[in-house]
Amino acid sequence: MVTETHSLMDGKVHVYRRDGSRYWQCSTYMNGRNHRKSTKHESLAMAMDYAREWYMSVYVDSRRFQESGLTQNLLHKAAPHHHRIEEPAHYNNAPHSPYAPQTPRPYEPRPKKQAASGPTFAEAAEKFIAEYNIITQGERNEAWAQGHAMRINVHLIPFFGEMPVKQINAGLMQEYRVARNTNGYKGRIPSRSTLHHETVTMRLVLKTAHRYGWIDAVPDISAPYKTSGKVKHRAWFSPEEYKMLYEATRERAKNPSRERYRTVWEDLHDYVLFMANTGLRPDEAGRLEYRDVTIVTDQDSGERLLEIEVRGKRGVGYCKSMSGAILPFQRMQKRHGGKPTDKIFGKTPRDTMNKILDELNLKYDRDGNVRTSYSLRHTYICLRLMEGADIYQIAKNCRTSVEMIEQFYAAHLKNTLDASAINVRKPKRKPQKAGKNEDSPL
């Protein structure tokens, strides 16, 4: 006997608990039948969260069966005999009367799932994970390879796992996107870039199945809508904000709250100056060793600067810093007695960086973009563009492309617009007075 009942989703889902049971149950009515399941939760709040996610999964399964072309009659005929409820003889012949007892619709059970024919998606995913690192010969970042495995195990296999890989098409992939945007993961709706990464992983698995002859061709599973998202600029520090930041880190380095934290704040101050004067990525700075940096005098400008051998996601590259990076580098080497093979910064100082940004109210820019250590690289690029540096040389020095800089940096900087080239006016020609033509006989 049911002792307590709660309704969700505008009355479409019911959460209840029976006598003698410590777990909450959930139920819904869909496609002519009742669906029930135990939430396995004793807490009502957790049970209601589970019921919402369970309802959406039942809804997606229901839509999938409807789009596959199975009608309700076919589903009824395909059901086992002991699950059917025969219609009463008077159901179709009795005259309709508002006072007559209403006979409910017969119970139409859920059809049996078709047996999988051919290799499943889970088998193709297992093949892909096993061969990816070997085929790429270790050239792809280890974290990127682990990301593929995480996306497969956490998101793709629960949805496509036992499905024959031949049945996967663009429509099913779109149902997957709808389910992800509806249910999310642990209550969080995925971003556009997250869904893009999952689509990339899905395409790689399908290509693996195609190589083994399990499918004839790789379907087009790209997103049909919103193919071009809104271009947003990267979070950076304006000249005034950057000055606030390095003055605050300098003050902390001189007057720390406790003496034992002095070295930590001095390292952060030198890190901010070094990153804003070199444009390195945080992971590149984390791999940087003292032997990778040389103080030289540039032949073209005559300035003393750092020549840096960078190792990052683009392989080995080179960077020439601003002169402002020399002093922080020398202080780090003197403070820690750095040997040639020692790392200069090592782990990115996220905690201290976030603490100082929160204190200065600089953690977010006016558009809500989050500022991190990566924002120092963006600051370097933007300040160089504002001072009129050549965009091609900046791209080479930062180991990126001109297109990336034009899209994410140059688009929102007013200094990159040349008013003399924009406000061009052609000289107006004076109209000629009408006169007699000398060749005219008149």
Protein backbone atom coordinates (compact mmCIF):
# COMPACT_ATOMS: atom_id res chain seq x y z
CA MET A 1 0.00 0.00 0.00
CA VAL A 2 1.27 3.46 -0.96
CA THR A 3 1.84 5.68 2.05
CA GLU A 4 3.11 8.93 0.48
CA THR A 5 3.07 10.31 -3.08
CA HIS A 6 4.64 13.34 -4.77
CA SER A 7 4.21 14.63 -8.35
CA LEU A 8 6.84 16.07 -10.68
CA MET A 9 7.08 17.38 -14.24
CA ASP A 10 3.54 18.85 -14.24
CA GLY A 11 2.07 15.62 -12.92
CA LYS A 12 3.79 13.36 -15.47
CA VAL A 13 6.00 11.65 -12.89
CA HIS A 14 4.97 10.30 -9.50
CA VAL A 15 7.32 9.49 -6.63
CA TYR A 16 5.87 7.26 -3.93
CA ARG A 17 6.84 4.84 -1.16
CA ARG A 18 5.12 1.61 -0.18
CA ASP A 19 4.61 0.12 3.26
CA GLY A 20 7.57 -1.93 4.40
CA SER A 21 9.97 -0.42 1.83
CA ARG A 22 12.68 2.06 2.66
CA TYR A 23 13.23 3.08 -0.99
CA TRP A 24 11.17 5.54 -3.01
CA GLN A 25 9.58 4.39 -6.29
CA CYS A 26 8.84 6.43 -9.43
CA SER A 27 6.29 5.89 -12.19
CA THR A 28 4.98 7.51 -15.37
CA TYR A 29 2.38 6.73 -18.02
CA MET A 30 3.64 6.86 -21.61
CA ASN A 31 2.65 5.23 -24.92
CA GLY A 32 -0.30 3.40 -23.39
CA ARG A 33 1.51 1.77 -20.51
CA ASN A 34 2.78 2.45 -17.03
CA HIS A 35 6.51 2.55 -16.36
CA ARG A 36 7.78 1.94 -12.85
CA LYS A 37 11.22 1.79 -11.30
CA SER A 38 12.83 1.90 -7.88
CA THR A 39 15.03 4.94 -7.25
CA LYS A 40 17.20 3.03 -4.73
CA HIS A 41 17.23 6.20 -2.61
CA GLU A 42 15.89 6.70 0.89
CA SER A 43 16.13 10.51 0.65
CA LEU A 44 13.14 12.18 -1.01
CA ALA A 45 15.26 14.93 -2.61
CA MET A 46 17.64 12.44 -4.19
CA ALA A 47 14.74 10.27 -5.29
CA MET A 48 13.05 13.21 -7.02
CA ASP A 49 16.29 14.09 -8.86
CA TYR A 50 16.60 10.48 -9.96
CA ALA A 51 12.96 10.43 -11.10
CA ARG A 52 13.48 13.48 -13.33
CA GLU A 53 16.47 11.93 -15.11
CA TRP A 54 14.70 8.57 -15.39
CA TYR A 55 11.63 10.18 -16.95
CA MET A 56 13.71 11.92 -19.63
CA SER A 57 15.47 8.64 -20.52
CA VAL A 58 12.08 6.91 -20.87
CA TYR A 59 10.88 9.82 -23.02
CA VAL A 60 13.90 9.58 -25.34
CA ASP A 61 13.42 5.80 -25.70
CA SER A 62 9.76 6.34 -26.49
CA ARG A 63 10.54 8.90 -29.22
CA ARG A 64 13.13 6.57 -30.70
CA PHE A 65 10.56 3.76 -31.04
CA GLN A 66 8.02 6.14 -32.56
CA GLU A 67 10.45 7.44 -35.18
CA SER A 68 11.47 3.88 -36.10
CA GLY A 69 8.01 3.39 -37.69
CA LEU A 70 6.48 0.96 -35.18
CA THR A 71 2.78 1.70 -34.67
CA GLN A 72 0.86 0.96 -31.54
CA ASN A 73 -0.95 -1.95 -33.22
CA LEU A 74 2.30 -3.56 -34.23
CA LEU A 75 3.64 -3.10 -30.74
CA HIS A 76 0.53 -4.76 -29.33
CA LYS A 77 0.82 -7.74 -31.68
CA ALA A 78 4.51 -8.13 -31.00
CA ALA A 79 3.97 -8.35 -27.24
CA PRO A 80 3.95 -11.74 -25.43
CA HIS A 81 0.50 -13.25 -24.94
CA HIS A 82 0.66 -13.28 -21.16
CA HIS A 83 1.23 -9.52 -21.12
CA ARG A 84 -1.87 -8.63 -23.16
CA ILE A 85 -5.15 -7.44 -21.76
CA GLU A 86 -7.99 -8.36 -24.11
CA GLU A 87 -10.53 -5.69 -25.00
CA PRO A 88 -14.02 -6.27 -23.62
CA ALA A 89 -16.69 -7.24 -26.15
CA HIS A 90 -18.68 -4.08 -25.50
CA TYR A 91 -15.66 -1.78 -25.89
CA ASN A 92 -16.28 -0.92 -29.56
CA ASN A 93 -20.04 -1.67 -29.79
CA ALA A 94 -21.46 0.06 -26.69
CA PRO A 95 -23.21 3.38 -27.37
CA HIS A 96 -21.36 6.36 -26.08
CA SER A 97 -23.01 8.01 -23.11
CA PRO A 98 -21.57 10.54 -20.71
CA TYR A 99 -23.20 8.56 -17.85
CA ALA A 100 -21.94 5.15 -18.98
CA PRO A 101 -18.85 3.78 -17.25
CA GLN A 102 -15.75 4.54 -19.25
CA THR A 103 -13.67 1.52 -20.20
CA PRO A 104 -9.93 2.22 -20.05
CA ARG A 105 -7.69 1.73 -23.02
CA PRO A 106 -6.17 -1.75 -23.13
CA TYR A 107 -2.67 -2.16 -21.77
CA GLU A 108 -0.16 -1.97 -24.61
CA PRO A 109 3.15 -3.36 -23.41
CA ARG A 110 6.56 -2.09 -24.47
CA PRO A 111 7.93 -4.07 -27.43
CA LYS A 112 10.85 -6.37 -27.07
CA LYS A 113 14.16 -4.88 -28.05
CA GLN A 114 15.49 -6.25 -31.28
CA ALA A 115 18.49 -8.50 -30.87
CA ALA A 116 21.73 -6.80 -31.82
CA SER A 117 22.94 -7.88 -35.23
CA GLY A 118 26.58 -7.29 -35.94
CA PRO A 119 29.25 -5.57 -33.87
CA THR A 120 27.99 -3.11 -31.30
CA PHE A 121 29.16 0.40 -30.57
CA ALA A 122 30.83 -0.81 -27.37
CA GLU A 123 32.98 -3.22 -29.39
CA ALA A 124 33.99 -0.48 -31.83
CA ALA A 125 34.82 1.84 -28.92
CA GLU A 126 36.97 -0.85 -27.31
CA LYS A 127 38.89 -1.27 -30.59
CA PHE A 128 39.42 2.48 -30.86
CA ILE A 129 40.70 2.91 -27.29
CA ALA A 130 43.08 -0.02 -27.68
CA GLU A 131 44.69 1.27 -30.87
CA TYR A 132 44.56 5.07 -30.53
CA ASN A 133 47.77 5.60 -28.57
CA ILE A 134 49.61 3.02 -30.67
CA ILE A 135 48.54 4.43 -34.04
CA THR A 136 49.31 8.04 -33.08
CA GLN A 137 52.75 6.88 -31.83
CA GLY A 138 52.51 9.02 -28.72
CA GLU A 139 52.35 12.29 -30.67
CA ARG A 140 49.03 13.26 -29.13
CA ASN A 141 48.93 14.55 -25.59
CA GLU A 142 48.26 11.85 -23.00
CA ALA A 143 45.51 13.93 -21.37
CA TRP A 144 43.77 14.24 -24.77
CA ALA A 145 43.82 10.45 -25.23
CA GLN A 146 42.42 10.00 -21.72
CA GLY A 147 39.70 12.51 -22.57
CA HIS A 148 38.55 10.29 -25.46
CA ALA A 149 38.30 7.30 -23.13
CA MET A 150 36.42 9.34 -20.50
CA ARG A 151 33.87 10.62 -23.02
CA ILE A 152 33.30 7.11 -24.34
CA ASN A 153 32.86 5.43 -20.94
CA VAL A 154 30.88 8.18 -19.21
CA HIS A 155 28.61 9.50 -21.98
CA LEU A 156 28.65 7.56 -25.25
CA ILE A 157 28.52 3.92 -24.11
CA PRO A 158 25.56 4.44 -21.72
CA PHE A 159 23.58 5.76 -24.70
CA PHE A 160 24.90 3.74 -27.68
CA GLY A 161 26.63 0.81 -25.93
CA GLU A 162 24.62 -2.26 -26.99
CA MET A 163 23.36 -0.69 -30.21
CA PRO A 164 24.65 -2.26 -33.46
CA VAL A 165 27.08 0.16 -35.00
CA LYS A 166 25.25 -0.16 -38.35
CA GLN A 167 22.12 1.44 -36.84
CA ILE A 168 23.87 4.60 -35.71
CA ASN A 169 23.03 7.56 -37.93
CA ALA A 170 22.72 11.32 -37.79
CA GLY A 171 19.25 11.10 -36.25
CA LEU A 172 20.40 9.02 -33.30
CA MET A 173 23.32 11.36 -32.76
CA GLN A 174 20.88 14.28 -32.65
CA GLU A 175 18.77 12.39 -30.10
CA TYR A 176 21.93 11.99 -28.04
CA ARG A 177 22.53 15.77 -28.13
CA VAL A 178 18.93 16.40 -27.06
CA ALA A 179 19.28 13.95 -24.19
CA ARG A 180 22.57 15.54 -23.07
CA ASN A 181 21.06 19.03 -23.14
CA THR A 182 17.97 17.80 -21.30
CA ASN A 183 19.56 15.63 -18.64
CA GLY A 184 23.09 16.98 -18.46
CA TYR A 185 25.60 15.14 -16.31
CA LYS A 186 25.30 15.41 -12.54
CA GLY A 187 22.91 18.33 -13.06
CA ARG A 188 25.20 20.31 -15.40
CA ILE A 189 24.19 21.03 -18.99
CA PRO A 190 27.15 20.58 -21.36
CA SER A 191 28.60 23.53 -23.23
CA ARG A 192 28.81 23.77 -27.00
CA SER A 193 32.51 22.91 -26.99
CA THR A 194 31.89 19.85 -24.77
CA LEU A 195 29.33 18.48 -27.22
CA HIS A 196 31.74 19.21 -30.06
CA HIS A 197 34.46 17.15 -28.34
CA GLU A 198 31.99 14.29 -27.87
CA THR A 199 31.06 14.46 -31.55
CA VAL A 200 34.74 14.27 -32.49
CA THR A 201 35.19 11.18 -30.29
CA MET A 202 32.07 9.60 -31.77
CA ARG A 203 33.37 10.20 -35.30
CA LEU A 204 36.71 8.56 -34.46
CA VAL A 205 34.92 5.46 -33.15
CA LEU A 206 32.79 5.26 -36.31
CA LYS A 207 35.92 5.60 -38.45
CA THR A 208 37.40 2.66 -36.55
CA ALA A 209 34.29 0.60 -37.33
CA HIS A 210 34.56 1.61 -40.98
CA ARG A 211 38.18 0.48 -41.17
CA TYR A 212 37.18 -2.98 -39.95
CA GLY A 213 34.33 -3.19 -42.45
CA TRP A 214 31.58 -3.09 -39.83
CA ILE A 215 29.85 -0.15 -41.56
CA ASP A 216 29.81 0.83 -45.23
CA ALA A 217 30.44 4.53 -44.64
CA VAL A 218 30.83 7.00 -41.78
CA PRO A 219 27.57 8.96 -41.39
CA ASP A 220 27.53 12.73 -41.20
CA ILE A 221 26.97 13.31 -37.48
CA SER A 222 27.80 17.02 -37.39
CA ALA A 223 25.38 19.30 -35.53
CA PRO A 224 22.60 20.44 -37.91
CA TYR A 225 21.88 23.72 -36.11
CA LYS A 226 24.02 26.50 -34.72
CA THR A 227 27.04 25.44 -36.75
CA SER A 228 28.74 28.79 -36.20
CA GLY A 229 28.67 30.01 -32.63
CA LYS A 230 29.02 33.54 -31.43
CA VAL A 231 32.64 34.68 -31.48
CA LYS A 232 33.80 35.74 -28.05
CA HIS A 233 37.06 37.41 -27.20
CA ARG A 234 39.46 35.80 -24.78
CA ALA A 235 39.61 37.13 -21.24
CA TRP A 236 42.59 39.47 -20.82
CA PHE A 237 43.78 42.36 -18.65
CA SER A 238 43.58 45.88 -19.99
CA PRO A 239 46.65 48.06 -19.35
CA GLU A 240 45.00 49.55 -16.27
CA GLU A 241 43.92 46.13 -14.92
CA TYR A 242 47.34 44.62 -15.61
CA LYS A 243 48.95 47.44 -13.65
CA MET A 244 46.59 46.75 -10.74
CA LEU A 245 47.54 43.09 -10.83
CA TYR A 246 51.32 43.39 -10.82
CA GLU A 247 51.25 46.19 -8.23
CA ALA A 248 49.16 43.98 -5.95
CA THR A 249 51.49 40.98 -6.36
CA ARG A 250 54.50 43.23 -5.77
CA GLU A 251 52.98 44.56 -2.54
CA ARG A 252 52.23 41.01 -1.37
CA ALA A 253 55.83 39.98 -2.15
CA LYS A 254 57.18 42.87 -0.05
CA ASN A 255 54.71 42.56 2.83
CA PRO A 256 53.33 39.00 3.08
CA SER A 257 50.77 38.12 5.73
CA ARG A 258 53.26 35.62 7.17
CA GLU A 259 56.98 35.39 6.62
CA ARG A 260 56.79 31.78 5.50
CA TYR A 261 54.62 32.86 2.56
CA ARG A 262 57.12 35.41 1.27
CA THR A 263 58.69 33.07 -1.30
CA VAL A 264 55.25 32.03 -2.58
CA TRP A 265 54.19 35.62 -3.26
CA GLU A 266 57.57 36.53 -4.75
CA ASP A 267 57.28 33.61 -7.16
CA LEU A 268 53.76 34.69 -8.13
CA HIS A 269 54.91 38.25 -8.80
CA ASP A 270 57.73 37.04 -11.06
CA TYR A 271 55.36 34.57 -12.74
CA VAL A 272 52.89 37.35 -13.66
CA LEU A 273 55.63 39.57 -15.10
CA PHE A 274 57.32 36.70 -16.96
CA MET A 275 54.09 35.43 -18.55
CA ALA A 276 52.86 38.89 -19.58
CA ASN A 277 56.22 39.63 -21.24
CA THR A 278 56.63 36.31 -23.08
CA GLY A 279 53.12 35.16 -24.07
CA LEU A 280 53.78 31.54 -23.07
CA ARG A 281 50.95 29.14 -22.38
CA PRO A 282 50.70 27.97 -18.75
CA ASP A 283 51.59 24.39 -19.71
CA GLU A 284 54.60 25.65 -21.68
CA ALA A 285 55.79 27.67 -18.69
CA GLY A 286 55.31 24.61 -16.47
CA ARG A 287 57.70 22.55 -18.65
CA LEU A 288 60.26 25.34 -18.97
CA GLU A 289 63.74 24.61 -17.59
CA TYR A 290 66.60 27.04 -16.94
CA ARG A 291 68.62 25.57 -19.80
CA ASP A 292 65.80 26.48 -22.21
CA VAL A 293 66.28 30.23 -21.58
CA THR A 294 69.17 32.40 -22.78
CA ILE A 295 69.74 36.12 -22.22
CA VAL A 296 70.87 37.69 -25.50
CA THR A 297 71.13 41.07 -27.21
CA ASP A 298 68.85 41.21 -30.22
CA GLN A 299 70.63 42.24 -33.43
CA ASP A 300 67.64 44.01 -34.95
CA SER A 301 66.39 46.02 -31.96
CA GLY A 302 69.59 46.16 -29.91
CA GLU A 303 67.61 45.27 -26.75
CA ARG A 304 68.51 42.61 -24.23
CA LEU A 305 65.85 39.93 -24.11
CA LEU A 306 65.25 36.23 -23.51
CA GLU A 307 65.46 33.59 -26.21
CA ILE A 308 63.24 30.71 -25.06
CA GLU A 309 63.08 27.17 -26.43
CA VAL A 310 59.45 26.25 -25.88
CA ARG A 311 58.03 22.73 -25.61
CA GLY A 312 54.25 22.56 -25.73
CA LYS A 313 51.29 21.18 -27.65
CA ARG A 314 52.76 22.38 -30.95
CA GLY A 315 56.05 20.59 -30.36
CA VAL A 316 59.29 22.55 -30.05
CA GLY A 317 59.15 26.25 -30.89
CA TYR A 318 60.98 29.46 -30.10
CA CYS A 319 60.00 32.71 -28.43
CA LYS A 320 61.67 36.09 -28.03
CA SER A 321 60.48 37.91 -24.95
CA MET A 322 60.12 41.54 -24.04
CA SER A 323 62.94 43.06 -22.01
CA GLY A 324 60.66 43.06 -18.95
CA ALA A 325 61.00 39.25 -18.64
CA ILE A 326 64.76 39.32 -17.85
CA LEU A 327 64.58 40.53 -14.24
CA PRO A 328 61.87 38.05 -13.13
CA PHE A 329 63.88 35.21 -14.69
CA GLN A 330 67.07 36.27 -12.90
CA ARG A 331 65.25 36.63 -9.57
CA MET A 332 63.76 33.15 -9.87
CA GLN A 333 67.15 31.63 -10.65
CA LYS A 334 68.83 33.43 -7.74
CA ARG A 335 66.04 32.72 -5.26
CA HIS A 336 65.90 28.97 -5.93
CA GLY A 337 69.49 28.36 -7.02
CA GLY A 338 68.20 26.86 -10.23
CA LYS A 339 70.28 24.26 -11.99
CA PRO A 340 70.11 23.91 -15.79
CA THR A 341 67.75 20.92 -15.59
CA ASP A 342 65.48 22.43 -12.88
CA LYS A 343 62.09 23.75 -13.84
CA ILE A 344 61.66 27.49 -13.48
CA PHE A 345 58.03 27.60 -12.33
CA GLY A 346 56.78 24.02 -12.40
CA LYS A 347 53.15 23.76 -11.34
CA THR A 348 50.90 26.67 -12.32
CA PRO A 349 50.13 28.82 -9.20
CA ARG A 350 46.34 28.58 -9.53
CA ASP A 351 45.42 29.03 -5.87
CA THR A 352 47.46 32.17 -5.24
CA MET A 353 46.48 33.57 -8.64
CA ASN A 354 42.77 33.08 -7.93
CA LYS A 355 43.16 34.57 -4.47
CA ILE A 356 44.72 37.79 -5.72
CA LEU A 357 42.18 38.06 -8.56
CA ASP A 358 39.29 37.69 -6.13
CA GLU A 359 40.71 40.36 -3.86
CA LEU A 360 41.06 42.78 -6.79
CA ASN A 361 37.65 41.84 -8.23
CA LEU A 362 39.37 40.87 -11.49
CA LYS A 363 38.33 37.22 -11.67
CA TYR A 364 35.71 38.02 -14.32
CA ASP A 365 35.72 40.61 -17.06
CA ARG A 366 32.67 42.70 -17.90
CA ASP A 367 31.34 39.98 -20.26
CA GLY A 368 31.53 37.28 -17.59
CA ASN A 369 34.64 35.55 -19.01
CA VAL A 370 36.80 33.91 -16.35
CA ARG A 371 40.36 35.16 -16.00
CA THR A 372 43.07 32.59 -15.29
CA SER A 373 46.82 32.30 -15.79
CA TYR A 374 46.05 31.84 -19.48
CA SER A 375 44.78 35.42 -19.52
CA LEU A 376 48.36 36.64 -19.15
CA ARG A 377 49.13 35.16 -22.58
CA HIS A 378 46.07 36.91 -24.00
CA THR A 379 47.23 40.13 -22.36
CA TYR A 380 50.63 39.84 -24.04
CA ILE A 381 49.02 39.41 -27.49
CA CYS A 382 46.54 42.25 -27.02
CA LEU A 383 49.16 44.70 -25.72
CA ARG A 384 51.47 43.92 -28.64
CA LEU A 385 48.62 44.53 -31.10
CA MET A 386 47.70 47.78 -29.39
CA GLU A 387 51.29 48.97 -29.78
CA GLY A 388 51.23 48.28 -33.51
CA ALA A 389 53.26 45.06 -33.73
CA ASP A 390 53.03 42.97 -36.89
CA ILE A 391 50.30 40.35 -36.48
CA TYR A 392 52.25 37.71 -38.43
CA GLN A 393 55.31 38.09 -36.20
CA ILE A 394 53.11 37.86 -33.09
CA ALA A 395 51.57 34.64 -34.41
CA LYS A 396 55.02 33.14 -35.01
CA ASN A 397 56.31 34.23 -31.60
CA CYS A 398 53.24 32.79 -29.83
CA ARG A 399 53.19 29.59 -31.93
CA THR A 400 49.66 30.11 -33.20
CA SER A 401 48.01 31.25 -36.43
CA VAL A 402 47.10 34.65 -37.79
CA GLU A 403 43.49 33.47 -38.12
CA MET A 404 43.27 32.71 -34.41
CA ILE A 405 44.64 36.12 -33.48
CA GLU A 406 42.32 37.93 -35.89
CA GLN A 407 39.28 36.02 -34.61
CA PHE A 408 39.85 36.17 -30.85
CA TYR A 409 42.09 39.19 -30.30
CA ALA A 410 42.17 41.70 -33.14
CA ALA A 411 38.38 41.76 -33.54
CA HIS A 412 37.74 43.60 -30.25
CA LEU A 413 40.74 45.96 -30.07
CA LYS A 414 40.04 49.47 -31.23
CA ASN A 415 43.74 50.17 -31.75
CA THR A 416 43.87 47.69 -34.63
CA LEU A 417 41.53 49.89 -36.66
CA ASP A 418 43.35 52.45 -38.79
CA ALA A 419 41.15 55.55 -38.99
CA SER A 420 43.27 57.04 -41.78
CA ALA A 421 42.56 53.98 -43.91
CA ILE A 422 38.88 53.81 -42.94
CA ASN A 423 37.88 57.48 -43.27
CA VAL A 424 39.06 57.84 -46.85
CA ARG A 425 37.19 60.29 -49.06
CA LYS A 426 37.62 60.44 -52.76
CA PRO A 427 38.04 63.99 -54.13
CA LYS A 428 34.87 65.18 -55.77
CA ARG A 429 35.20 66.26 -59.40
CA LYS A 430 33.71 69.62 -60.32
CA PRO A 431 30.85 69.35 -62.80
CA GLN A 432 31.73 70.64 -66.28
CA LYS A 433 29.59 73.42 -67.77
CA ALA A 434 27.63 72.49 -70.84
CA GLY A 435 29.09 74.19 -73.92
CA LYS A 436 29.04 73.94 -77.68
CA ASN A 437 30.96 71.11 -79.20
CA GLU A 438 33.66 72.43 -81.51
CA ASP A 439 33.12 69.52 -83.90
CA SER A 440 29.39 70.18 -84.07
CA PRO A 441 28.19 71.77 -87.39
CA LEU A 442 25.73 73.92 -85.46
